[in-house]
ModelCIF file with pLDDT and N, C-alpha, C, O atoms, coordinates in Angstrom:
data_MODEL
#
_entry.id   MODEL 
#
_entity.id                         1 
_entity.type                       polymer 
_entity.pdbx_number_of_molecules   1 
#
_entity_poly.entity_id                      1 
_entity_poly.type                           'polypeptide(L)' 
_entity_poly.nstd_linkage                   no 
_entity_poly.nstd_monomer                   no 
_entity_poly.pdbx_seq_one_letter_code       TQPAQAVDNGTDSETEPVGFRDKFEAKHRSADGHF 
_entity_poly.pdbx_seq_one_letter_code_can   TQPAQAVDNGTDSETEPVGFRDKFEAKHRSADGHF 
_entity_poly.pdbx_strand_id                 A 
#
loop_
_entity_poly_seq.entity_id 
_entity_poly_seq.num 
_entity_poly_seq.mon_id 
_entity_poly_seq.hetero 
1 1  THR n 
1 2  GLN n 
1 3  PRO n 
1 4  ALA n 
1 5  GLN n 
1 6  ALA n 
1 7  VAL n 
1 8  ASP n 
1 9  ASN n 
1 10 GLY n 
1 11 THR n 
1 12 ASP n 
1 13 SER n 
1 14 GLU n 
1 15 THR n 
1 16 GLU n 
1 17 PRO n 
1 18 VAL n 
1 19 GLY n 
1 20 PHE n 
1 21 ARG n 
1 22 ASP n 
1 23 LYS n 
1 24 PHE n 
1 25 GLU n 
1 26 ALA n 
1 27 LYS n 
1 28 HIS n 
1 29 ARG n 
1 30 SER n 
1 31 ALA n 
1 32 ASP n 
1 33 GLY n 
1 34 HIS n 
1 35 PHE n 
#
_struct_asym.id          A 
_struct_asym.entity_id   1 
#
loop_
_ma_qa_metric.id 
_ma_qa_metric.mode 
_ma_qa_metric.name 
_ma_qa_metric.software_group_id 
_ma_qa_metric.type 
1 global pLDDT . pLDDT 
2 local  pLDDT . pLDDT 
#
_ma_qa_metric_global.metric_id      1 
_ma_qa_metric_global.metric_value   55.46 
_ma_qa_metric_global.model_id       1 
_ma_qa_metric_global.ordinal_id     1 
#
loop_
_ma_qa_metric_local.label_asym_id 
_ma_qa_metric_local.label_comp_id 
_ma_qa_metric_local.label_seq_id 
_ma_qa_metric_local.metric_id 
_ma_qa_metric_local.metric_value 
_ma_qa_metric_local.model_id 
_ma_qa_metric_local.ordinal_id 
A THR 1  2 41.00 1 1  
A GLN 2  2 41.00 1 2  
A PRO 3  2 37.00 1 3  
A ALA 4  2 36.00 1 4  
A GLN 5  2 37.00 1 5  
A ALA 6  2 35.00 1 6  
A VAL 7  2 36.00 1 7  
A ASP 8  2 40.00 1 8  
A ASN 9  2 44.00 1 9  
A GLY 10 2 43.00 1 10 
A THR 11 2 39.00 1 11 
A ASP 12 2 39.00 1 12 
A SER 13 2 39.00 1 13 
A GLU 14 2 36.00 1 14 
A THR 15 2 32.00 1 15 
A GLU 16 2 39.00 1 16 
A PRO 17 2 39.00 1 17 
A VAL 18 2 44.00 1 18 
A GLY 19 2 50.00 1 19 
A PHE 20 2 51.00 1 20 
A ARG 21 2 51.00 1 21 
A ASP 22 2 54.00 1 22 
A LYS 23 2 57.00 1 23 
A PHE 24 2 61.00 1 24 
A GLU 25 2 72.00 1 25 
A ALA 26 2 72.00 1 26 
A LYS 27 2 80.00 1 27 
A HIS 28 2 83.00 1 28 
A ARG 29 2 88.00 1 29 
A SER 30 2 87.00 1 30 
A ALA 31 2 90.00 1 31 
A ASP 32 2 86.00 1 32 
A GLY 33 2 86.00 1 33 
A HIS 34 2 87.00 1 34 
A PHE 35 2 89.00 1 35 
#
loop_
_atom_site.group_PDB 
_atom_site.id 
_atom_site.type_symbol 
_atom_site.label_atom_id 
_atom_site.label_alt_id 
_atom_site.label_comp_id 
_atom_site.label_asym_id 
_atom_site.label_entity_id 
_atom_site.label_seq_id 
_atom_site.pdbx_PDB_ins_code 
_atom_site.Cartn_x 
_atom_site.Cartn_y 
_atom_site.Cartn_z 
_atom_site.occupancy 
_atom_site.B_iso_or_equiv 
_atom_site.pdbx_formal_charge 
_atom_site.auth_seq_id 
_atom_site.auth_comp_id 
_atom_site.auth_asym_id 
_atom_site.auth_atom_id 
_atom_site.pdbx_PDB_model_num 
ATOM 1   N N  . THR A 1 1  ? -15.855 22.235 -4.549  1.00 41.00 ? 1  THR A N  1 
ATOM 2   C CA . THR A 1 1  ? -14.719 22.477 -3.255  1.00 41.00 ? 1  THR A CA 1 
ATOM 3   C C  . THR A 1 1  ? -13.532 21.384 -4.677  1.00 41.00 ? 1  THR A C  1 
ATOM 4   O O  . THR A 1 1  ? -13.801 20.611 -5.597  1.00 41.00 ? 1  THR A O  1 
ATOM 5   N N  . GLN A 1 2  ? -12.131 22.008 -4.026  1.00 41.00 ? 2  GLN A N  1 
ATOM 6   C CA . GLN A 1 2  ? -11.456 20.668 -4.730  1.00 41.00 ? 2  GLN A CA 1 
ATOM 7   C C  . GLN A 1 2  ? -10.837 20.210 -3.197  1.00 41.00 ? 2  GLN A C  1 
ATOM 8   O O  . GLN A 1 2  ? -10.498 20.988 -2.306  1.00 41.00 ? 2  GLN A O  1 
ATOM 9   N N  . PRO A 1 3  ? -10.809 19.302 -3.174  1.00 37.00 ? 3  PRO A N  1 
ATOM 10  C CA . PRO A 1 3  ? -10.006 18.517 -1.776  1.00 37.00 ? 3  PRO A CA 1 
ATOM 11  C C  . PRO A 1 3  ? -8.563  18.802 -2.067  1.00 37.00 ? 3  PRO A C  1 
ATOM 12  O O  . PRO A 1 3  ? -7.860  19.168 -1.125  1.00 37.00 ? 3  PRO A O  1 
ATOM 13  N N  . ALA A 1 4  ? -8.068  18.682 -3.198  1.00 36.00 ? 4  ALA A N  1 
ATOM 14  C CA . ALA A 1 4  ? -6.801  18.866 -3.877  1.00 36.00 ? 4  ALA A CA 1 
ATOM 15  C C  . ALA A 1 4  ? -6.048  20.494 -2.826  1.00 36.00 ? 4  ALA A C  1 
ATOM 16  O O  . ALA A 1 4  ? -4.869  20.847 -2.777  1.00 36.00 ? 4  ALA A O  1 
ATOM 17  N N  . GLN A 1 5  ? -6.845  20.920 -2.375  1.00 37.00 ? 5  GLN A N  1 
ATOM 18  C CA . GLN A 1 5  ? -6.776  22.420 -1.704  1.00 37.00 ? 5  GLN A CA 1 
ATOM 19  C C  . GLN A 1 5  ? -6.547  22.723 -0.448  1.00 37.00 ? 5  GLN A C  1 
ATOM 20  O O  . GLN A 1 5  ? -5.971  23.709 0.011   1.00 37.00 ? 5  GLN A O  1 
ATOM 21  N N  . ALA A 1 6  ? -7.377  21.178 0.475   1.00 35.00 ? 6  ALA A N  1 
ATOM 22  C CA . ALA A 1 6  ? -7.118  21.280 1.650   1.00 35.00 ? 6  ALA A CA 1 
ATOM 23  C C  . ALA A 1 6  ? -6.180  20.393 2.085   1.00 35.00 ? 6  ALA A C  1 
ATOM 24  O O  . ALA A 1 6  ? -5.224  19.923 1.468   1.00 35.00 ? 6  ALA A O  1 
ATOM 25  N N  . VAL A 1 7  ? -6.727  20.113 3.786   1.00 36.00 ? 7  VAL A N  1 
ATOM 26  C CA . VAL A 1 7  ? -5.469  19.485 4.554   1.00 36.00 ? 7  VAL A CA 1 
ATOM 27  C C  . VAL A 1 7  ? -5.633  17.866 3.880   1.00 36.00 ? 7  VAL A C  1 
ATOM 28  O O  . VAL A 1 7  ? -6.656  17.204 3.701   1.00 36.00 ? 7  VAL A O  1 
ATOM 29  N N  . ASP A 1 8  ? -3.808  17.450 3.520   1.00 40.00 ? 8  ASP A N  1 
ATOM 30  C CA . ASP A 1 8  ? -3.758  16.374 2.971   1.00 40.00 ? 8  ASP A CA 1 
ATOM 31  C C  . ASP A 1 8  ? -2.976  15.128 4.259   1.00 40.00 ? 8  ASP A C  1 
ATOM 32  O O  . ASP A 1 8  ? -3.141  15.136 5.479   1.00 40.00 ? 8  ASP A O  1 
ATOM 33  N N  . ASN A 1 9  ? -2.405  14.478 3.692   1.00 44.00 ? 9  ASN A N  1 
ATOM 34  C CA . ASN A 1 9  ? -2.009  13.625 4.976   1.00 44.00 ? 9  ASN A CA 1 
ATOM 35  C C  . ASN A 1 9  ? -1.094  14.496 5.615   1.00 44.00 ? 9  ASN A C  1 
ATOM 36  O O  . ASN A 1 9  ? -0.093  14.793 4.964   1.00 44.00 ? 9  ASN A O  1 
ATOM 37  N N  . GLY A 1 10 ? -1.234  14.996 6.819   1.00 43.00 ? 10 GLY A N  1 
ATOM 38  C CA . GLY A 1 10 ? -0.428  15.859 6.843   1.00 43.00 ? 10 GLY A CA 1 
ATOM 39  C C  . GLY A 1 10 ? -0.009  16.686 7.237   1.00 43.00 ? 10 GLY A C  1 
ATOM 40  O O  . GLY A 1 10 ? 0.858   16.821 8.100   1.00 43.00 ? 10 GLY A O  1 
ATOM 41  N N  . THR A 1 11 ? -0.715  17.572 6.503   1.00 39.00 ? 11 THR A N  1 
ATOM 42  C CA . THR A 1 11 ? -0.904  18.743 5.826   1.00 39.00 ? 11 THR A CA 1 
ATOM 43  C C  . THR A 1 11 ? -1.729  19.966 6.790   1.00 39.00 ? 11 THR A C  1 
ATOM 44  O O  . THR A 1 11 ? -2.938  19.735 6.744   1.00 39.00 ? 11 THR A O  1 
ATOM 45  N N  . ASP A 1 12 ? -1.493  20.885 7.430   1.00 39.00 ? 12 ASP A N  1 
ATOM 46  C CA . ASP A 1 12 ? -2.411  21.447 7.660   1.00 39.00 ? 12 ASP A CA 1 
ATOM 47  C C  . ASP A 1 12 ? -2.817  22.897 7.296   1.00 39.00 ? 12 ASP A C  1 
ATOM 48  O O  . ASP A 1 12 ? -1.983  23.764 7.557   1.00 39.00 ? 12 ASP A O  1 
ATOM 49  N N  . SER A 1 13 ? -4.120  23.320 6.664   1.00 39.00 ? 13 SER A N  1 
ATOM 50  C CA . SER A 1 13 ? -4.491  24.247 5.631   1.00 39.00 ? 13 SER A CA 1 
ATOM 51  C C  . SER A 1 13 ? -4.143  25.424 6.815   1.00 39.00 ? 13 SER A C  1 
ATOM 52  O O  . SER A 1 13 ? -4.918  26.348 6.567   1.00 39.00 ? 13 SER A O  1 
ATOM 53  N N  . GLU A 1 14 ? -3.617  25.652 7.558   1.00 36.00 ? 14 GLU A N  1 
ATOM 54  C CA . GLU A 1 14 ? -4.170  27.442 8.535   1.00 36.00 ? 14 GLU A CA 1 
ATOM 55  C C  . GLU A 1 14 ? -2.747  27.300 8.501   1.00 36.00 ? 14 GLU A C  1 
ATOM 56  O O  . GLU A 1 14 ? -2.645  28.344 7.857   1.00 36.00 ? 14 GLU A O  1 
ATOM 57  N N  . THR A 1 15 ? -1.456  26.900 8.634   1.00 32.00 ? 15 THR A N  1 
ATOM 58  C CA . THR A 1 15 ? -0.463  26.916 8.815   1.00 32.00 ? 15 THR A CA 1 
ATOM 59  C C  . THR A 1 15 ? 0.369   26.366 7.607   1.00 32.00 ? 15 THR A C  1 
ATOM 60  O O  . THR A 1 15 ? 1.583   26.567 7.660   1.00 32.00 ? 15 THR A O  1 
ATOM 61  N N  . GLU A 1 16 ? -0.175  25.642 6.437   1.00 39.00 ? 16 GLU A N  1 
ATOM 62  C CA . GLU A 1 16 ? 0.571   25.282 5.248   1.00 39.00 ? 16 GLU A CA 1 
ATOM 63  C C  . GLU A 1 16 ? 0.060   24.782 4.237   1.00 39.00 ? 16 GLU A C  1 
ATOM 64  O O  . GLU A 1 16 ? 0.537   23.762 3.738   1.00 39.00 ? 16 GLU A O  1 
ATOM 65  N N  . PRO A 1 17 ? -1.286  25.559 3.603   1.00 39.00 ? 17 PRO A N  1 
ATOM 66  C CA . PRO A 1 17 ? -2.244  25.114 2.265   1.00 39.00 ? 17 PRO A CA 1 
ATOM 67  C C  . PRO A 1 17 ? -1.947  24.745 1.645   1.00 39.00 ? 17 PRO A C  1 
ATOM 68  O O  . PRO A 1 17 ? -2.773  23.998 1.120   1.00 39.00 ? 17 PRO A O  1 
ATOM 69  N N  . VAL A 1 18 ? -0.495  24.767 0.933   1.00 44.00 ? 18 VAL A N  1 
ATOM 70  C CA . VAL A 1 18 ? 0.039   24.927 -0.303  1.00 44.00 ? 18 VAL A CA 1 
ATOM 71  C C  . VAL A 1 18 ? 1.682   24.104 -0.387  1.00 44.00 ? 18 VAL A C  1 
ATOM 72  O O  . VAL A 1 18 ? 1.992   23.586 -1.460  1.00 44.00 ? 18 VAL A O  1 
ATOM 73  N N  . GLY A 1 19 ? 2.401   24.056 0.485   1.00 50.00 ? 19 GLY A N  1 
ATOM 74  C CA . GLY A 1 19 ? 3.430   23.723 0.096   1.00 50.00 ? 19 GLY A CA 1 
ATOM 75  C C  . GLY A 1 19 ? 3.740   22.528 -0.103  1.00 50.00 ? 19 GLY A C  1 
ATOM 76  O O  . GLY A 1 19 ? 4.404   22.204 -1.087  1.00 50.00 ? 19 GLY A O  1 
ATOM 77  N N  . PHE A 1 20 ? 3.092   21.214 1.264   1.00 51.00 ? 20 PHE A N  1 
ATOM 78  C CA . PHE A 1 20 ? 2.869   19.998 0.974   1.00 51.00 ? 20 PHE A CA 1 
ATOM 79  C C  . PHE A 1 20 ? 2.572   19.371 -0.257  1.00 51.00 ? 20 PHE A C  1 
ATOM 80  O O  . PHE A 1 20 ? 3.000   18.227 -0.413  1.00 51.00 ? 20 PHE A O  1 
ATOM 81  N N  . ARG A 1 21 ? 1.888   19.930 -1.204  1.00 51.00 ? 21 ARG A N  1 
ATOM 82  C CA . ARG A 1 21 ? 1.280   19.805 -2.180  1.00 51.00 ? 21 ARG A CA 1 
ATOM 83  C C  . ARG A 1 21 ? 2.116   19.903 -3.487  1.00 51.00 ? 21 ARG A C  1 
ATOM 84  O O  . ARG A 1 21 ? 2.043   19.165 -4.470  1.00 51.00 ? 21 ARG A O  1 
ATOM 85  N N  . ASP A 1 22 ? 2.879   20.912 -3.296  1.00 54.00 ? 22 ASP A N  1 
ATOM 86  C CA . ASP A 1 22 ? 3.308   21.564 -4.120  1.00 54.00 ? 22 ASP A CA 1 
ATOM 87  C C  . ASP A 1 22 ? 4.569   20.539 -4.271  1.00 54.00 ? 22 ASP A C  1 
ATOM 88  O O  . ASP A 1 22 ? 4.781   19.668 -5.114  1.00 54.00 ? 22 ASP A O  1 
ATOM 89  N N  . LYS A 1 23 ? 5.258   20.929 -3.242  1.00 57.00 ? 23 LYS A N  1 
ATOM 90  C CA . LYS A 1 23 ? 6.215   19.593 -2.957  1.00 57.00 ? 23 LYS A CA 1 
ATOM 91  C C  . LYS A 1 23 ? 6.644   18.231 -3.383  1.00 57.00 ? 23 LYS A C  1 
ATOM 92  O O  . LYS A 1 23 ? 7.729   17.741 -3.699  1.00 57.00 ? 23 LYS A O  1 
ATOM 93  N N  . PHE A 1 24 ? 5.155   17.688 -3.263  1.00 61.00 ? 24 PHE A N  1 
ATOM 94  C CA . PHE A 1 24 ? 4.479   16.186 -3.572  1.00 61.00 ? 24 PHE A CA 1 
ATOM 95  C C  . PHE A 1 24 ? 3.496   16.380 -4.656  1.00 61.00 ? 24 PHE A C  1 
ATOM 96  O O  . PHE A 1 24 ? 2.323   16.150 -4.359  1.00 61.00 ? 24 PHE A O  1 
ATOM 97  N N  . GLU A 1 25 ? 3.778   16.783 -5.929  1.00 72.00 ? 25 GLU A N  1 
ATOM 98  C CA . GLU A 1 25 ? 2.575   16.536 -6.536  1.00 72.00 ? 25 GLU A CA 1 
ATOM 99  C C  . GLU A 1 25 ? 2.140   15.189 -6.997  1.00 72.00 ? 25 GLU A C  1 
ATOM 100 O O  . GLU A 1 25 ? 2.926   14.278 -7.257  1.00 72.00 ? 25 GLU A O  1 
ATOM 101 N N  . ALA A 1 26 ? 0.287   15.080 -7.120  1.00 72.00 ? 26 ALA A N  1 
ATOM 102 C CA . ALA A 1 26 ? -0.147  13.918 -7.907  1.00 72.00 ? 26 ALA A CA 1 
ATOM 103 C C  . ALA A 1 26 ? -0.076  13.407 -9.037  1.00 72.00 ? 26 ALA A C  1 
ATOM 104 O O  . ALA A 1 26 ? -0.765  13.500 -10.052 1.00 72.00 ? 26 ALA A O  1 
ATOM 105 N N  . LYS A 1 27 ? 0.879   12.825 -8.749  1.00 80.00 ? 27 LYS A N  1 
ATOM 106 C CA . LYS A 1 27 ? 2.009   12.475 -10.548 1.00 80.00 ? 27 LYS A CA 1 
ATOM 107 C C  . LYS A 1 27 ? 1.997   10.822 -10.463 1.00 80.00 ? 27 LYS A C  1 
ATOM 108 O O  . LYS A 1 27 ? 2.707   10.286 -11.314 1.00 80.00 ? 27 LYS A O  1 
ATOM 109 N N  . HIS A 1 28 ? 1.331   9.985  -9.611  1.00 83.00 ? 28 HIS A N  1 
ATOM 110 C CA . HIS A 1 28 ? 1.312   8.047  -9.702  1.00 83.00 ? 28 HIS A CA 1 
ATOM 111 C C  . HIS A 1 28 ? 0.176   8.349  -9.657  1.00 83.00 ? 28 HIS A C  1 
ATOM 112 O O  . HIS A 1 28 ? -0.537  8.939  -8.845  1.00 83.00 ? 28 HIS A O  1 
ATOM 113 N N  . ARG A 1 29 ? -0.005  7.720  -10.974 1.00 88.00 ? 29 ARG A N  1 
ATOM 114 C CA . ARG A 1 29 ? -1.208  7.396  -11.409 1.00 88.00 ? 29 ARG A CA 1 
ATOM 115 C C  . ARG A 1 29 ? -1.139  5.792  -11.608 1.00 88.00 ? 29 ARG A C  1 
ATOM 116 O O  . ARG A 1 29 ? -0.481  5.030  -12.316 1.00 88.00 ? 29 ARG A O  1 
ATOM 117 N N  . SER A 1 30 ? -2.394  5.632  -10.390 1.00 87.00 ? 30 SER A N  1 
ATOM 118 C CA . SER A 1 30 ? -2.910  3.718  -10.325 1.00 87.00 ? 30 SER A CA 1 
ATOM 119 C C  . SER A 1 30 ? -3.487  3.807  -11.114 1.00 87.00 ? 30 SER A C  1 
ATOM 120 O O  . SER A 1 30 ? -3.917  4.768  -11.752 1.00 87.00 ? 30 SER A O  1 
ATOM 121 N N  . ALA A 1 31 ? -3.635  2.181  -11.219 1.00 90.00 ? 31 ALA A N  1 
ATOM 122 C CA . ALA A 1 31 ? -4.672  1.096  -11.894 1.00 90.00 ? 31 ALA A CA 1 
ATOM 123 C C  . ALA A 1 31 ? -5.814  1.485  -12.058 1.00 90.00 ? 31 ALA A C  1 
ATOM 124 O O  . ALA A 1 31 ? -6.467  1.310  -13.087 1.00 90.00 ? 31 ALA A O  1 
ATOM 125 N N  . ASP A 1 32 ? -6.262  2.179  -10.852 1.00 86.00 ? 32 ASP A N  1 
ATOM 126 C CA . ASP A 1 32 ? -7.884  2.515  -10.968 1.00 86.00 ? 32 ASP A CA 1 
ATOM 127 C C  . ASP A 1 32 ? -8.160  3.997  -11.606 1.00 86.00 ? 32 ASP A C  1 
ATOM 128 O O  . ASP A 1 32 ? -9.277  4.512  -11.547 1.00 86.00 ? 32 ASP A O  1 
ATOM 129 N N  . GLY A 1 33 ? -7.078  4.610  -12.197 1.00 86.00 ? 33 GLY A N  1 
ATOM 130 C CA . GLY A 1 33 ? -7.112  5.936  -12.499 1.00 86.00 ? 33 GLY A CA 1 
ATOM 131 C C  . GLY A 1 33 ? -6.537  7.326  -11.533 1.00 86.00 ? 33 GLY A C  1 
ATOM 132 O O  . GLY A 1 33 ? -6.191  8.471  -11.824 1.00 86.00 ? 33 GLY A O  1 
ATOM 133 N N  . HIS A 1 34 ? -6.661  6.440  -10.082 1.00 87.00 ? 34 HIS A N  1 
ATOM 134 C CA . HIS A 1 34 ? -6.678  7.719  -9.488  1.00 87.00 ? 34 HIS A CA 1 
ATOM 135 C C  . HIS A 1 34 ? -4.897  8.559  -9.354  1.00 87.00 ? 34 HIS A C  1 
ATOM 136 O O  . HIS A 1 34 ? -4.165  7.840  -8.673  1.00 87.00 ? 34 HIS A O  1 
ATOM 137 N N  . PHE A 1 35 ? -4.599  9.095  -9.564  1.00 89.00 ? 35 PHE A N  1 
ATOM 138 C CA . PHE A 1 35 ? -2.941  10.064 -9.150  1.00 89.00 ? 35 PHE A CA 1 
ATOM 139 C C  . PHE A 1 35 ? -3.166  10.523 -8.194  1.00 89.00 ? 35 PHE A C  1 
ATOM 140 O O  . PHE A 1 35 ? -2.324  11.221 -7.631  1.00 89.00 ? 35 PHE A O  1 
#
């Protein structure tokens, strides 16, 4: 399972499963390696 395909900060998978994530990609790399 890939968390990035499910509900995120304010995203409802039933109504908009990928729109939010397409618009706001996880491209900011944190000091511990998290994007």
